[in-house]
Amino acid sequence: MNIATMRRLDRLVGGIGCRMLTWWRKLVDHRSLAETPMRILFVKPAEQGATVLAERAVDEAARRVGRDNVFFLVFAENRFVIDAMQLVPPEN
């Protein structure tokens, strides 16, 4: 998949997905928004350079919820960056 297509998908699906999940959390899931999360998902389909720059944020997420509870959603061709940085277990 070329980078322009990945960017469009990232912008379109990412924005809509975040809005939908936020609405779901506010309307259906009645847990407090201030409650400590149990798991964290980073969605980064395009350009893994930002993942390198966000290493400290990922480390902080792992410190808060445990490394086994931090996940990445990336395209298969971008997985190598996550693996090379050893940010999360390979199965995540």
N, C-alpha and C. Protein backbone atom coordinates (compact mmCIF):
# COMPACT_ATOMS: atom_id res chain seq x y z
N MET A 1 0.85 -1.17 0.00
CA MET A 1 0.00 0.00 0.00
C MET A 1 0.90 1.24 0.00
N ASN A 2 0.58 2.20 -0.84
CA ASN A 2 1.44 3.38 -0.91
C ASN A 2 1.14 4.34 0.24
N ILE A 3 2.07 5.23 0.48
CA ILE A 3 1.99 6.12 1.65
C ILE A 3 0.80 7.07 1.58
N ALA A 4 0.45 7.53 0.39
CA ALA A 4 -0.69 8.45 0.27
C ALA A 4 -1.99 7.75 0.68
N THR A 5 -2.14 6.50 0.29
CA THR A 5 -3.34 5.74 0.67
C THR A 5 -3.36 5.51 2.17
N MET A 6 -2.21 5.18 2.75
CA MET A 6 -2.14 4.97 4.19
C MET A 6 -2.50 6.25 4.95
N ARG A 7 -2.02 7.38 4.46
CA ARG A 7 -2.34 8.65 5.11
C ARG A 7 -3.83 8.95 5.06
N ARG A 8 -4.44 8.70 3.89
CA ARG A 8 -5.89 8.94 3.77
C ARG A 8 -6.67 8.03 4.72
N LEU A 9 -6.29 6.77 4.75
CA LEU A 9 -6.95 5.84 5.67
C LEU A 9 -6.76 6.27 7.12
N ASP A 10 -5.55 6.67 7.45
CA ASP A 10 -5.24 7.12 8.80
C ASP A 10 -6.12 8.30 9.18
N ARG A 11 -6.21 9.26 8.30
CA ARG A 11 -6.98 10.47 8.57
C ARG A 11 -8.48 10.16 8.67
N LEU A 12 -8.98 9.38 7.74
CA LEU A 12 -10.42 9.10 7.69
C LEU A 12 -10.84 8.12 8.78
N VAL A 13 -10.27 6.94 8.77
CA VAL A 13 -10.66 5.89 9.71
C VAL A 13 -10.24 6.25 11.13
N GLY A 14 -9.07 6.84 11.27
CA GLY A 14 -8.59 7.19 12.60
C GLY A 14 -9.49 8.20 13.29
N GLY A 15 -9.84 9.25 12.59
CA GLY A 15 -10.70 10.28 13.18
C GLY A 15 -12.08 9.76 13.51
N ILE A 16 -12.67 9.05 12.58
CA ILE A 16 -14.01 8.49 12.81
C ILE A 16 -13.96 7.46 13.93
N GLY A 17 -12.96 6.61 13.91
CA GLY A 17 -12.83 5.58 14.94
C GLY A 17 -12.69 6.18 16.33
N CYS A 18 -11.86 7.20 16.45
CA CYS A 18 -11.68 7.85 17.76
C CYS A 18 -12.97 8.49 18.25
N ARG A 19 -13.68 9.16 17.34
CA ARG A 19 -14.96 9.76 17.73
C ARG A 19 -15.96 8.71 18.18
N MET A 20 -16.05 7.62 17.42
CA MET A 20 -17.01 6.57 17.78
C MET A 20 -16.67 5.95 19.13
N LEU A 21 -15.40 5.67 19.36
CA LEU A 21 -15.01 5.08 20.64
C LEU A 21 -15.23 6.05 21.79
N THR A 22 -15.02 7.33 21.56
CA THR A 22 -15.27 8.33 22.60
C THR A 22 -16.76 8.39 22.91
N TRP A 23 -17.60 8.42 21.88
CA TRP A 23 -19.05 8.44 22.11
C TRP A 23 -19.49 7.18 22.84
N TRP A 24 -18.96 6.04 22.44
CA TRP A 24 -19.29 4.77 23.09
C TRP A 24 -18.96 4.85 24.58
N ARG A 25 -17.80 5.35 24.87
CA ARG A 25 -17.35 5.45 26.26
C ARG A 25 -18.27 6.36 27.06
N LYS A 26 -18.69 7.47 26.46
CA LYS A 26 -19.55 8.42 27.17
C LYS A 26 -20.98 7.93 27.32
N LEU A 27 -21.50 7.25 26.29
CA LEU A 27 -22.90 6.86 26.30
C LEU A 27 -23.18 5.48 26.90
N VAL A 28 -22.32 4.53 26.64
CA VAL A 28 -22.60 3.14 27.01
C VAL A 28 -21.75 2.66 28.17
N ASP A 29 -20.49 2.94 28.11
CA ASP A 29 -19.57 2.47 29.14
C ASP A 29 -19.55 3.50 30.26
N HIS A 30 -20.17 3.21 31.35
CA HIS A 30 -20.37 4.20 32.39
C HIS A 30 -19.23 4.31 33.40
N ARG A 31 -18.10 3.72 33.07
CA ARG A 31 -16.95 3.90 33.95
C ARG A 31 -16.50 5.35 33.88
N SER A 32 -15.89 5.80 34.90
CA SER A 32 -15.39 7.17 34.95
C SER A 32 -14.29 7.35 33.91
N LEU A 33 -14.31 8.49 33.21
CA LEU A 33 -13.24 8.77 32.26
C LEU A 33 -11.92 9.02 32.97
N ALA A 34 -11.98 9.33 34.25
CA ALA A 34 -10.76 9.55 35.03
C ALA A 34 -10.18 8.24 35.55
N GLU A 35 -10.92 7.16 35.39
CA GLU A 35 -10.47 5.86 35.86
C GLU A 35 -9.20 5.44 35.11
N THR A 36 -8.31 4.80 35.80
CA THR A 36 -7.07 4.34 35.19
C THR A 36 -7.37 3.27 34.15
N PRO A 37 -6.83 3.41 32.94
CA PRO A 37 -7.08 2.40 31.92
C PRO A 37 -6.40 1.08 32.26
N MET A 38 -6.98 -0.01 31.74
CA MET A 38 -6.39 -1.33 31.96
C MET A 38 -5.50 -1.73 30.80
N ARG A 39 -5.84 -1.27 29.59
CA ARG A 39 -5.07 -1.58 28.39
C ARG A 39 -5.01 -0.32 27.53
N ILE A 40 -3.94 -0.21 26.74
CA ILE A 40 -3.77 0.95 25.86
C ILE A 40 -3.45 0.46 24.46
N LEU A 41 -4.15 1.02 23.49
CA LEU A 41 -3.94 0.69 22.08
C LEU A 41 -3.43 1.92 21.35
N PHE A 42 -2.27 1.79 20.71
CA PHE A 42 -1.74 2.83 19.84
C PHE A 42 -2.09 2.45 18.41
N VAL A 43 -2.76 3.34 17.70
CA VAL A 43 -3.14 3.10 16.31
C VAL A 43 -2.23 3.95 15.44
N LYS A 44 -1.38 3.30 14.66
CA LYS A 44 -0.41 4.02 13.85
C LYS A 44 -0.21 3.31 12.53
N PRO A 45 -1.14 3.47 11.59
CA PRO A 45 -1.03 2.74 10.33
C PRO A 45 0.05 3.25 9.38
N ALA A 46 0.39 4.52 9.44
CA ALA A 46 1.34 5.06 8.46
C ALA A 46 2.53 5.70 9.17
N GLU A 47 3.61 5.78 8.46
CA GLU A 47 4.80 6.52 8.87
C GLU A 47 5.24 6.23 10.31
N GLN A 48 6.02 5.24 10.47
CA GLN A 48 6.43 4.80 11.80
C GLN A 48 7.48 5.70 12.45
N GLY A 49 7.91 6.74 11.76
CA GLY A 49 8.85 7.68 12.38
C GLY A 49 8.27 8.31 13.63
N ALA A 50 6.97 8.57 13.61
CA ALA A 50 6.31 9.14 14.79
C ALA A 50 6.35 8.18 15.97
N THR A 51 6.34 6.90 15.69
CA THR A 51 6.43 5.90 16.76
C THR A 51 7.78 6.00 17.46
N VAL A 52 8.82 6.21 16.68
CA VAL A 52 10.16 6.38 17.25
C VAL A 52 10.17 7.61 18.16
N LEU A 53 9.56 8.69 17.70
CA LEU A 53 9.52 9.91 18.50
C LEU A 53 8.65 9.76 19.75
N ALA A 54 7.69 8.86 19.70
CA ALA A 54 6.77 8.67 20.84
C ALA A 54 7.24 7.58 21.79
N GLU A 55 8.47 7.18 21.68
CA GLU A 55 8.96 6.07 22.51
C GLU A 55 8.75 6.34 24.00
N ARG A 56 8.97 7.55 24.44
CA ARG A 56 8.79 7.86 25.87
C ARG A 56 7.33 7.71 26.29
N ALA A 57 6.41 8.08 25.41
CA ALA A 57 4.99 7.93 25.72
C ALA A 57 4.62 6.45 25.83
N VAL A 58 5.17 5.64 24.94
CA VAL A 58 4.90 4.20 24.98
C VAL A 58 5.51 3.60 26.25
N ASP A 59 6.71 4.02 26.60
CA ASP A 59 7.33 3.55 27.84
C ASP A 59 6.47 3.92 29.05
N GLU A 60 5.94 5.13 29.05
CA GLU A 60 5.09 5.57 30.16
C GLU A 60 3.80 4.76 30.20
N ALA A 61 3.23 4.48 29.04
CA ALA A 61 2.02 3.65 28.99
C ALA A 61 2.33 2.26 29.56
N ALA A 62 3.47 1.71 29.18
CA ALA A 62 3.86 0.38 29.68
C ALA A 62 4.09 0.42 31.19
N ARG A 63 4.63 1.50 31.68
CA ARG A 63 4.84 1.63 33.13
C ARG A 63 3.50 1.66 33.87
N ARG A 64 2.52 2.32 33.27
CA ARG A 64 1.22 2.49 33.94
C ARG A 64 0.35 1.23 33.90
N VAL A 65 0.32 0.55 32.76
CA VAL A 65 -0.60 -0.59 32.63
C VAL A 65 0.12 -1.92 32.45
N GLY A 66 1.42 -1.90 32.38
CA GLY A 66 2.18 -3.12 32.15
C GLY A 66 2.44 -3.33 30.67
N ARG A 67 3.62 -3.78 30.36
CA ARG A 67 4.03 -3.95 28.96
C ARG A 67 3.11 -4.90 28.19
N ASP A 68 2.58 -5.91 28.88
CA ASP A 68 1.70 -6.87 28.22
C ASP A 68 0.32 -6.29 27.90
N ASN A 69 0.02 -5.11 28.40
CA ASN A 69 -1.28 -4.48 28.17
C ASN A 69 -1.19 -3.28 27.24
N VAL A 70 -0.07 -3.14 26.54
CA VAL A 70 0.10 -2.08 25.55
C VAL A 70 0.12 -2.75 24.18
N PHE A 71 -0.70 -2.24 23.27
CA PHE A 71 -0.86 -2.84 21.95
C PHE A 71 -0.67 -1.80 20.86
N PHE A 72 -0.25 -2.28 19.69
CA PHE A 72 -0.12 -1.43 18.51
C PHE A 72 -0.96 -2.00 17.38
N LEU A 73 -1.64 -1.13 16.66
CA LEU A 73 -2.35 -1.51 15.45
C LEU A 73 -1.62 -0.82 14.30
N VAL A 74 -0.90 -1.62 13.51
CA VAL A 74 -0.12 -1.10 12.39
C VAL A 74 -0.30 -2.02 11.19
N PHE A 75 0.01 -1.51 10.00
CA PHE A 75 0.03 -2.37 8.83
C PHE A 75 1.23 -3.31 8.94
N ALA A 76 1.11 -4.49 8.35
CA ALA A 76 2.15 -5.51 8.47
C ALA A 76 3.52 -5.00 8.02
N GLU A 77 3.55 -4.18 6.98
CA GLU A 77 4.84 -3.70 6.48
C GLU A 77 5.51 -2.70 7.44
N ASN A 78 4.76 -2.21 8.42
CA ASN A 78 5.33 -1.28 9.39
C ASN A 78 5.65 -1.93 10.73
N ARG A 79 5.36 -3.18 10.85
CA ARG A 79 5.56 -3.89 12.12
C ARG A 79 7.03 -3.95 12.54
N PHE A 80 7.92 -3.93 11.57
CA PHE A 80 9.35 -4.07 11.87
C PHE A 80 9.85 -3.00 12.83
N VAL A 81 9.28 -1.80 12.77
CA VAL A 81 9.73 -0.72 13.66
C VAL A 81 9.38 -1.06 15.11
N ILE A 82 8.17 -1.54 15.32
CA ILE A 82 7.73 -1.91 16.67
C ILE A 82 8.61 -3.04 17.21
N ASP A 83 8.88 -4.02 16.36
CA ASP A 83 9.72 -5.15 16.78
C ASP A 83 11.16 -4.71 17.06
N ALA A 84 11.70 -3.86 16.20
CA ALA A 84 13.09 -3.42 16.36
C ALA A 84 13.27 -2.60 17.64
N MET A 85 12.27 -1.82 17.99
CA MET A 85 12.36 -0.99 19.20
C MET A 85 12.01 -1.77 20.46
N GLN A 86 11.45 -2.96 20.30
CA GLN A 86 11.05 -3.81 21.43
C GLN A 86 10.17 -3.05 22.42
N LEU A 87 9.20 -2.35 21.87
CA LEU A 87 8.29 -1.55 22.70
C LEU A 87 7.28 -2.41 23.43
N VAL A 88 6.79 -3.43 22.74
CA VAL A 88 5.77 -4.31 23.31
C VAL A 88 6.13 -5.75 22.93
N PRO A 89 5.55 -6.72 23.62
CA PRO A 89 5.81 -8.11 23.23
C PRO A 89 5.38 -8.37 21.78
N PRO A 90 6.06 -9.25 21.08
CA PRO A 90 5.75 -9.51 19.66
C PRO A 90 4.29 -9.87 19.40
N GLU A 91 3.65 -10.55 20.32
CA GLU A 91 2.25 -10.95 20.10
C GLU A 91 1.27 -9.79 20.25
N ASN A 92 1.73 -8.65 20.76
CA ASN A 92 0.85 -7.49 20.92
C ASN A 92 0.88 -6.64 19.67
